[in-house]
Structure formats: C-alpha cells, structure tokens
Protein backbone atom coordinates (compact mmCIF):
# COMPACT_ATOMS: atom_id res chain seq x y z
CA UNK A 1 8.35 -0.59 -23.60
CA UNK A 2 8.19 -4.28 -24.43
CA UNK A 3 8.86 -6.96 -21.85
CA UNK A 4 9.51 -10.55 -22.96
CA UNK A 5 6.34 -12.64 -22.65
CA UNK A 6 8.33 -15.11 -20.54
CA UNK A 7 8.52 -12.49 -17.79
CA UNK A 8 4.87 -11.37 -17.99
CA UNK A 9 2.01 -12.56 -15.79
CA UNK A 10 -1.64 -13.16 -16.63
CA UNK A 11 -3.97 -10.15 -16.47
CA UNK A 12 -5.94 -11.44 -13.45
CA UNK A 13 -2.68 -11.38 -11.38
CA UNK A 14 -2.93 -7.62 -11.47
CA UNK A 15 -5.83 -7.95 -9.00
CA UNK A 16 -3.58 -9.68 -6.47
CA UNK A 17 -0.72 -7.22 -7.09
CA UNK A 18 -2.86 -4.15 -6.47
CA UNK A 19 -4.71 -5.74 -3.51
CA UNK A 20 -1.40 -6.83 -1.96
CA UNK A 21 0.08 -3.35 -2.41
CA UNK A 22 -2.82 -1.74 -0.51
CA UNK A 23 -3.28 -4.12 2.38
CA UNK A 24 -0.37 -3.65 4.76
CA UNK A 25 0.09 -2.27 8.22
CA UNK A 26 -2.36 0.51 7.63
CA UNK A 27 -5.39 -1.72 8.13
CA UNK A 28 -4.20 -2.49 11.66
CA UNK A 29 -4.60 1.03 13.00
CA UNK A 30 -6.34 3.35 10.48
CA UNK A 31 -9.63 3.25 12.38
CA UNK A 32 -8.22 5.46 15.10
CA UNK A 33 -6.80 8.10 12.79
CA UNK A 34 -9.92 8.47 10.68
CA UNK A 35 -12.17 8.54 13.74
CA UNK A 36 -10.21 11.54 15.01
CA UNK A 37 -11.22 13.48 11.90
CA UNK A 38 -14.80 12.35 11.21
CA UNK A 39 -15.90 10.48 14.27
CA UNK A 40 -17.91 7.35 13.70
CA UNK A 41 -19.06 8.74 10.28
CA UNK A 42 -15.52 7.99 9.14
CA UNK A 43 -16.56 4.81 7.36
CA UNK A 44 -18.20 7.11 4.83
CA UNK A 45 -14.82 8.76 4.35
CA UNK A 46 -13.34 5.35 3.60
CA UNK A 47 -15.94 4.68 0.94
CA UNK A 48 -15.32 8.08 -0.64
CA UNK A 49 -11.57 7.55 -0.50
CA UNK A 50 -12.12 4.37 -2.40
CA UNK A 51 -14.03 6.28 -5.04
CA UNK A 52 -11.14 8.71 -5.38
CA UNK A 53 -8.77 5.69 -5.67
CA UNK A 54 -10.89 4.35 -8.53
CA UNK A 55 -10.54 7.61 -10.45
CA UNK A 56 -6.78 7.70 -9.85
CA UNK A 57 -6.26 4.07 -10.89
CA UNK A 58 -8.24 4.93 -14.10
CA UNK A 59 -5.92 7.88 -14.74
CA UNK A 60 -2.80 5.80 -14.05
CA UNK A 61 -3.94 2.96 -16.32
CA UNK A 62 -4.80 5.32 -19.19
CA UNK A 63 -1.41 7.03 -18.78
CA UNK A 64 0.69 3.87 -18.93
CA UNK A 65 -1.47 2.15 -21.58
CA UNK A 66 -1.47 5.10 -23.96
CA UNK A 67 2.31 5.47 -23.51
CA UNK A 68 2.76 1.64 -23.52
CA UNK A 69 5.40 1.82 -20.85
CA UNK A 70 6.10 2.50 -17.19
CA UNK A 71 6.40 5.81 -15.41
CA UNK A 72 10.15 5.90 -15.98
CA UNK A 73 9.78 5.82 -19.74
CA UNK A 74 6.88 8.21 -19.72
CA UNK A 75 8.62 10.95 -17.77
CA UNK A 76 11.80 10.53 -19.77
CA UNK A 77 9.88 11.04 -23.00
CA UNK A 78 8.00 14.07 -21.67
CA UNK A 79 10.73 15.92 -19.75
CA UNK A 80 13.88 14.63 -21.42
CA UNK A 81 16.81 12.66 -20.21
CA UNK A 82 18.00 14.86 -17.31
CA UNK A 83 14.82 16.44 -15.88
CA UNK A 84 12.89 13.26 -16.52
CA UNK A 85 15.62 11.24 -14.96
CA UNK A 86 15.68 13.49 -11.89
CA UNK A 87 11.87 13.15 -11.39
CA UNK A 88 12.18 9.37 -11.90
CA UNK A 89 14.77 9.21 -9.14
CA UNK A 90 12.36 11.00 -6.84
CA UNK A 91 9.67 8.39 -7.66
CA UNK A 92 12.01 5.50 -6.91
CA UNK A 93 13.09 7.15 -3.65
CA UNK A 94 9.39 7.26 -2.72
CA UNK A 95 8.97 3.57 -3.29
CA UNK A 96 11.99 2.97 -1.07
CA UNK A 97 10.69 5.27 1.62
CA UNK A 98 7.32 3.50 1.49
CA UNK A 99 9.06 0.12 2.08
CA UNK A 100 10.80 1.52 5.15
CA UNK A 101 7.47 2.77 6.55
CA UNK A 102 5.95 -0.69 6.16
CA UNK A 103 8.92 -2.51 7.60
CA UNK A 104 9.40 -0.26 10.62
CA UNK A 105 5.62 -0.29 11.48
CA UNK A 106 5.52 -4.01 11.43
CA UNK A 107 8.69 -4.36 13.55
CA UNK A 108 7.15 -1.97 16.06
CA UNK A 109 4.10 -4.12 16.35
CA UNK A 110 6.24 -7.25 16.92
CA UNK A 111 8.25 -5.42 19.58
CA UNK A 112 5.16 -4.15 21.41
CA UNK A 113 3.03 -7.29 21.25
CA UNK A 114 5.52 -10.14 21.20
CA UNK A 115 9.22 -9.43 21.86
CA UNK A 116 9.85 -6.16 23.67
CA UNK A 117 13.63 -6.66 23.82
CA UNK A 118 13.98 -7.71 20.16
CA UNK A 119 16.54 -5.52 18.35
CA UNK A 120 15.08 -3.58 15.49
CA UNK A 121 17.92 -4.50 13.18
CA UNK A 122 17.50 -8.24 13.80
CA UNK A 123 14.01 -8.55 12.37
CA UNK A 124 14.77 -5.97 9.71
CA UNK A 125 17.67 -8.13 8.40
CA UNK A 126 15.49 -11.22 8.34
CA UNK A 127 12.71 -9.57 6.31
CA UNK A 128 15.15 -7.86 4.01
CA UNK A 129 16.89 -11.16 3.40
CA UNK A 130 13.57 -12.75 2.45
CA UNK A 131 12.65 -9.84 0.27
CA UNK A 132 15.99 -9.87 -1.56
CA UNK A 133 15.67 -13.61 -2.21
CA UNK A 134 12.10 -13.16 -3.57
CA UNK A 135 13.04 -10.24 -5.83
CA UNK A 136 16.12 -12.00 -7.11
CA UNK A 137 13.78 -14.61 -8.58
CA UNK A 138 12.19 -12.02 -10.92
CA UNK A 139 8.89 -10.33 -11.17
CA UNK A 140 6.91 -13.53 -11.64
CA UNK A 141 8.09 -14.74 -8.25
CA UNK A 142 7.14 -11.43 -6.68
CA UNK A 143 3.69 -11.65 -8.28
CA UNK A 144 3.32 -15.24 -6.98
CA UNK A 145 4.10 -14.17 -3.43
CA UNK A 146 1.49 -11.43 -3.80
CA UNK A 147 -1.03 -14.05 -4.88
CA UNK A 148 -0.35 -16.26 -1.84
CA UNK A 149 -0.32 -13.30 0.53
CA UNK A 150 -3.82 -12.33 -0.62
CA UNK A 151 -5.49 -15.77 -0.71
CA UNK A 152 -4.42 -16.85 2.81
CA UNK A 153 -4.74 -13.69 4.88
CA UNK A 154 -8.02 -12.54 3.31
CA UNK A 155 -9.73 -15.61 4.63
CA UNK A 156 -8.28 -14.98 8.04
CA UNK A 157 -9.15 -11.26 8.11
CA UNK A 158 -12.77 -11.82 7.08
CA UNK A 159 -13.37 -14.80 9.37
CA UNK A 160 -11.77 -13.16 12.42
CA UNK A 161 -14.11 -10.21 12.14
CA UNK A 162 -16.95 -12.46 13.25
CA UNK A 163 -15.71 -12.72 16.83
CA UNK A 164 -15.81 -8.99 17.73
CA UNK A 165 -19.39 -8.83 16.37
CA UNK A 166 -20.59 -10.63 19.42
CA UNK A 167 -19.73 -7.47 21.38
CA UNK A 168 -21.07 -5.01 18.79
CA UNK A 169 -23.07 -1.95 19.77
CA UNK A 170 -25.04 -0.75 16.79
CA UNK A 171 -25.86 2.48 18.58
CA UNK A 172 -22.20 3.53 18.16
CA UNK A 173 -22.92 4.29 14.52
CA UNK A 174 -25.99 6.40 15.13
CA UNK A 175 -26.88 8.98 14.13
CA UNK A 176 -25.36 8.70 10.68
CA UNK A 177 -24.02 11.82 8.97
CA UNK A 178 -23.59 13.59 12.34
CA UNK A 179 -20.40 15.35 11.08
CA UNK A 180 -19.81 18.18 8.69
CA UNK A 181 -18.63 17.82 5.12
CA UNK A 182 -15.21 19.23 6.10
CA UNK A 183 -14.87 16.49 8.71
CA UNK A 184 -15.72 13.85 6.09
CA UNK A 185 -13.14 15.33 3.74
CA UNK A 186 -10.52 15.36 6.49
CA UNK A 187 -11.34 11.70 7.04
CA UNK A 188 -10.64 11.05 3.34
CA UNK A 189 -7.24 12.71 3.70
CA UNK A 190 -6.53 10.66 6.82
CA UNK A 191 -7.15 7.52 4.71
CA UNK A 192 -4.48 8.35 2.13
CA UNK A 193 -1.68 6.34 3.71
CA UNK A 194 -4.02 3.46 4.40
CA UNK A 195 -5.27 3.02 0.83
CA UNK A 196 -1.92 3.88 -0.74
CA UNK A 197 -0.13 1.27 -2.82
CA UNK A 198 -2.07 1.11 -6.04
CA UNK A 199 0.51 3.47 -7.58
CA UNK A 200 2.60 0.32 -8.03
CA UNK A 201 0.65 0.02 -11.36
CA UNK A 202 2.94 2.69 -12.78
CA UNK A 203 5.83 0.23 -12.62
CA UNK A 204 4.29 -3.21 -13.10
CA UNK A 205 2.18 -2.38 -16.23
CA UNK A 206 4.76 -3.65 -18.82
CA UNK A 207 4.87 -6.98 -17.01
CA UNK A 208 1.08 -7.61 -17.39
CA UNK A 209 0.05 -9.64 -20.40
CA UNK A 210 -2.35 -7.53 -22.54
CA UNK A 211 -4.19 -10.37 -24.29
CA UNK A 212 -7.26 -9.45 -22.21
CA UNK A 213 -7.63 -5.96 -20.82
CA UNK A 214 -6.19 -6.03 -17.24
CA UNK A 215 -7.80 -2.70 -16.33
CA UNK A 216 -10.96 -4.31 -14.87
CA UNK A 217 -8.78 -6.34 -12.47
CA UNK A 218 -7.14 -3.15 -11.16
CA UNK A 219 -10.59 -1.65 -10.51
CA UNK A 220 -11.83 -4.83 -8.86
CA UNK A 221 -8.82 -4.78 -6.55
CA UNK A 222 -9.57 -1.25 -5.48
CA UNK A 223 -13.23 -2.21 -4.90
CA UNK A 224 -12.11 -5.25 -2.80
CA UNK A 225 -9.76 -3.20 -0.60
CA UNK A 226 -12.34 -0.41 -0.23
CA UNK A 227 -14.91 -2.92 0.99
CA UNK A 228 -12.37 -4.56 3.31
CA UNK A 229 -11.31 -1.25 4.90
CA UNK A 230 -14.95 -0.11 5.24
CA UNK A 231 -15.88 -3.41 6.90
CA UNK A 232 -12.88 -3.19 9.26
CA UNK A 233 -13.76 0.44 10.18
CA UNK A 234 -17.44 -0.37 10.84
CA UNK A 235 -16.59 -3.43 13.00
CA UNK A 236 -14.05 -1.42 15.00
CA UNK A 237 -16.63 1.39 15.49
CA UNK A 238 -19.22 -1.20 16.67
CA UNK A 239 -16.73 -2.83 19.05
CA UNK A 240 -15.13 0.28 20.63
CA UNK A 241 -16.61 3.38 22.08
CA UNK A 242 -15.07 6.58 20.67
CA UNK A 243 -13.18 7.09 23.97
CA UNK A 244 -11.78 3.52 23.82
CA UNK A 245 -10.77 3.83 20.18
CA UNK A 246 -8.94 7.13 20.78
CA UNK A 247 -6.48 5.36 23.10
CA UNK A 248 -6.16 2.17 21.09
CA UNK A 249 -3.14 2.26 18.68
CA UNK A 250 -3.88 -0.93 16.75
CA UNK A 251 -7.66 -1.62 16.98
CA UNK A 252 -7.51 -4.54 14.57
CA UNK A 253 -5.05 -6.42 16.70
CA UNK A 254 -6.64 -5.48 20.00
CA UNK A 255 -9.94 -6.99 18.86
CA UNK A 256 -8.20 -10.37 18.58
CA UNK A 257 -8.05 -10.46 22.38
CA UNK A 258 -11.69 -11.62 22.45
CA UNK A 259 -10.77 -14.72 20.46
CA UNK A 260 -10.34 -17.72 22.69
CA UNK A 261 -9.78 -21.34 22.02
CA UNK A 262 -9.53 -24.17 24.54
CA UNK A 263 -6.21 -25.21 23.06
CA UNK A 264 -4.79 -21.75 22.42
CA UNK A 265 -4.08 -18.57 24.37
CA UNK A 266 -2.83 -15.22 22.99
CA UNK A 267 -4.21 -15.71 19.52
CA UNK A 268 -2.69 -12.37 18.50
CA UNK A 269 0.74 -14.06 18.48
CA UNK A 270 -0.47 -16.31 15.69
CA UNK A 271 -2.05 -13.37 13.94
CA UNK A 272 1.04 -11.23 14.02
CA UNK A 273 3.28 -14.04 12.88
CA UNK A 274 0.90 -14.93 10.07
CA UNK A 275 0.75 -11.30 8.98
CA UNK A 276 4.48 -11.36 8.23
CA UNK A 277 3.60 -12.96 4.85
CA UNK A 278 1.45 -9.99 3.91
CA UNK A 279 4.21 -7.52 5.00
CA UNK A 280 7.02 -9.37 3.21
CA UNK A 281 5.03 -9.44 -0.09
CA UNK A 282 4.31 -5.69 0.12
CA UNK A 283 7.90 -4.84 0.93
CA UNK A 284 9.15 -7.07 -1.92
CA UNK A 285 6.82 -5.32 -4.33
CA UNK A 286 7.95 -1.85 -3.30
CA UNK A 287 11.62 -2.72 -3.39
CA UNK A 288 11.21 -4.46 -6.74
CA UNK A 289 9.64 -1.26 -8.15
CA UNK A 290 12.33 0.93 -6.69
CA UNK A 291 15.23 -1.21 -7.81
CA UNK A 292 13.71 -1.78 -11.19
CA UNK A 293 13.38 1.98 -11.68
CA UNK A 294 17.02 2.57 -10.61
CA UNK A 295 18.09 -0.19 -13.03
CA UNK A 296 16.36 1.63 -15.95
CA UNK A 297 17.58 5.10 -14.92
CA UNK A 298 21.26 4.23 -14.36
CA UNK A 299 21.45 1.30 -16.78
CA UNK A 300 22.84 -1.12 -14.25
CA UNK A 301 21.99 -4.65 -13.02
CA UNK A 302 18.98 -4.62 -10.69
CA UNK A 303 20.74 -6.53 -7.95
CA UNK A 304 23.02 -3.60 -7.16
CA UNK A 305 20.37 -0.96 -6.35
CA UNK A 306 18.32 -3.70 -4.64
CA UNK A 307 21.16 -4.54 -2.28
CA UNK A 308 21.71 -0.88 -1.45
CA UNK A 309 18.01 -0.35 -0.83
CA UNK A 310 17.92 -3.31 1.55
CA UNK A 311 20.76 -1.95 3.51
CA UNK A 312 19.24 1.50 3.67
CA UNK A 313 16.00 -0.04 4.93
CA UNK A 314 17.84 -1.73 7.78
CA UNK A 315 19.71 1.46 8.73
CA UNK A 316 16.64 3.68 8.59
CA UNK A 317 14.63 1.23 10.68
CA UNK A 318 17.34 1.37 13.34
CA UNK A 319 17.32 5.18 13.28
CA UNK A 320 13.58 5.32 13.78
CA UNK A 321 14.00 4.36 17.40
CA UNK A 322 10.76 5.54 19.10
CA UNK A 323 7.09 5.96 18.31
CA UNK A 324 7.20 9.77 17.87
CA UNK A 325 9.79 9.42 15.12
CA UNK A 326 7.83 6.65 13.42
CA UNK A 327 4.69 8.75 13.43
CA UNK A 328 6.52 11.75 11.94
CA UNK A 329 8.04 9.48 9.30
CA UNK A 330 4.64 7.95 8.38
CA UNK A 331 3.12 11.44 8.09
CA UNK A 332 5.98 12.46 5.80
CA UNK A 333 5.45 9.43 3.53
CA UNK A 334 1.71 10.14 3.52
CA UNK A 335 2.29 13.75 2.46
CA UNK A 336 4.71 12.74 -0.30
CA UNK A 337 2.18 10.16 -1.55
CA UNK A 338 -0.60 12.81 -1.70
CA UNK A 339 1.39 15.34 -3.69
CA UNK A 340 3.07 12.80 -5.93
CA UNK A 341 0.06 10.66 -6.88
CA UNK A 342 -3.07 12.62 -6.08
CA UNK A 343 -1.78 15.91 -7.51
CA UNK A 344 1.18 15.34 -9.81
CA UNK A 345 -0.01 12.18 -11.69
CA UNK A 346 -3.35 13.79 -12.82
CA UNK A 347 -1.41 16.85 -14.00
CA UNK A 348 1.10 14.61 -15.80
CA UNK A 349 -1.79 12.82 -17.50
CA UNK A 350 -3.24 16.12 -18.76
CA UNK A 351 0.15 17.26 -19.96
CA UNK A 352 0.72 13.91 -21.81
CA UNK A 353 -2.63 14.29 -23.54
CA UNK A 354 -1.85 17.84 -24.61
CA UNK A 355 1.56 16.91 -25.96
CA UNK A 356 0.14 13.86 -27.77
CA UNK A 357 -2.60 15.95 -29.36
CA UNK A 358 -0.01 18.51 -30.42
CA UNK A 359 2.10 15.79 -32.08
CA UNK A 360 -0.95 14.52 -34.02
CA UNK A 361 -1.84 18.05 -35.22
CA UNK A 362 1.77 18.70 -36.33
CA UNK A 363 1.78 15.45 -38.36
CA UNK A 364 -1.43 16.48 -40.10
C-alpha cells in the first residue's frame, strides 16, 4: 500500500506516535492493580512486560514491512475479501472500544477530583469535538498533536516525581524477589492494559516515510514507556505502604497532594487539566485508526465513520454510569487486547511467513 509522500511523516515521529499511544490513563492507576498480583515486586513485572512489548513490536513491524501495508490490507490478502473484511471490522471495533475506555476513564477522574456534578456527556462531547477537528486535518495533524502531547507532559511527569521522593521509604521494596514466579507473571498480565497502544503501528505504518528505517524509533518508544512505567511504579511503592496503595485508586494523582506552592493550592487541578492534552491525542490516534480502517473496508469517506464513532463514544460513556461498570468494561478491553495482539498477531505473522514461503516455492 502506497501513501502519497505529502501525507507521510518523518521516521522519528513514530517514536512520539508509539509513546503517545501507550501513555494514557493507565499510568495514573496501574500501580495498584499490579501490586495486587505481585506485591512490591511488581516493578519487575513491568520491566518484563516491556520486554514482551519489544518482541511484539518487532513482530508487528516485520509483518507490516514485509507486506508493505497496514493490517487491513494484510488480512484481506491472507483471508480474502469477506473473511478478511470481517476480521478487519473486529480490529477497527477494538480501536473504537479502546478510545471509549480512555475517554470514560478520564471523565471519571475529572468528576471525582474536580467537578462531581459534571454530566458525563458534556465533557465527552467537548473531547470528541476536539478529536474530530484534529482527525479532520489528516494524519500529519494527528502526528503533530502526538508530538506536542509527549514533549510537554513528559517533562511534567518526570519532574513531579521528585516531590514524593522526599517521603520515600526504601524499605518498602525490600526484600526483592519476595514473590513467586506465578505472581510475577500475573503482574505482567495485569500490565497489559497499561502498556497497550503500540498496536497502533499496524495502521500507521504506511504513513511513515521509509527513507531511514523507522523500526528503531518504535523500539525506543517502547523502551521509554517501559522505563517511565517502571519509575512510576517504584516511586509509588516507595511512597505508599501496601495497605495504603490497596485503597488508593489513582496513586499517581494522589501523590500530587504533597506538592505545595505559596501561590497555588490543589495542584492536582492543574495536573488533571494539563493531562487532557495527552488524553485527546491518544483518543484522536485511536479514532483515526478505526475510521481509517472502516474507510478502507467499506470504501467510503473517512469523515462518515469518524462521525459515527464520535457519537458512539459519547453514548457509551453515558451508559457507563458507575465505577463497577467502568471496571468491567476496562477488563473486557484488556482481555480483547490480549487475545487480539498477544496471541492472534504472532499466529498471523507465522501464517504470513508460511504462505509467503509457499508462494516462493511454487514460483521456483
């Protein structure tokens, strides 16, 4: 699949796209979920999950580069028009479901921390309007927003981690490797939703200029997010006791309560508002991928599926009215992500190699 060079972006932009796709609402509360599985050895699970992600991003890159196309074209070529089209629809639905999970999780944070009486649909419409406007500008605009959403928040996230360190208790991490291998593996599984997002490569690949190999930037992005998540986990473990962490829903936000300035109270308000840039870029990326896929599958203009997806996001956010439903929905998305990208994609890669080798042998 060839994309006009006017619509392509430089290879290094892939770093910001992958990074932006991985850093969303997950970083705000993943420490609690992984600690439930592996205790305070869970930071090891995060590192190992990053290693798994490196293997998967390698598989995904080899798949799309060998086929020289996105996942839509690959599955259509392998499975045919109808079966391939059906599987492609499932993939695009997943991207849409993932955008809903990010949007609803962020709205919940705003409602809990800032505006308890704010209607869900109100903020959903605002963010969807912004996302629609961004995506309407084309992929280069989406990539530009990803670039901005990485440069600004990464400075904030790293610098803000300094303040909780004043209250750190190094004994919390000791003794290291105090949990079984099965606990560590469960911690890896609990990290799946948190580190998810790099599967966006399956859709953006044709839009990356290939003058220089962009693969290294994808791996660097995974490395950066792995280090960021590991650092966030360790700092949370140093700051909270296990009992405190078990009852703290968003540890990353709660730690900002120790930040005080003479001219500013409730710093978390600034943090949450600032984080909207990160969330909007991630949602825009997911909706772009989904609407782009539906455009290719049904041969229609991208704005039509995009508009429908935005409306569905607003409706679904309104239906997810309490935390229990939100948690069930997030678990569902996490399970779909695991089977679709950790199981199916490696099998698809193996099948593609077998079919390609068979074609070469038949030509000989």
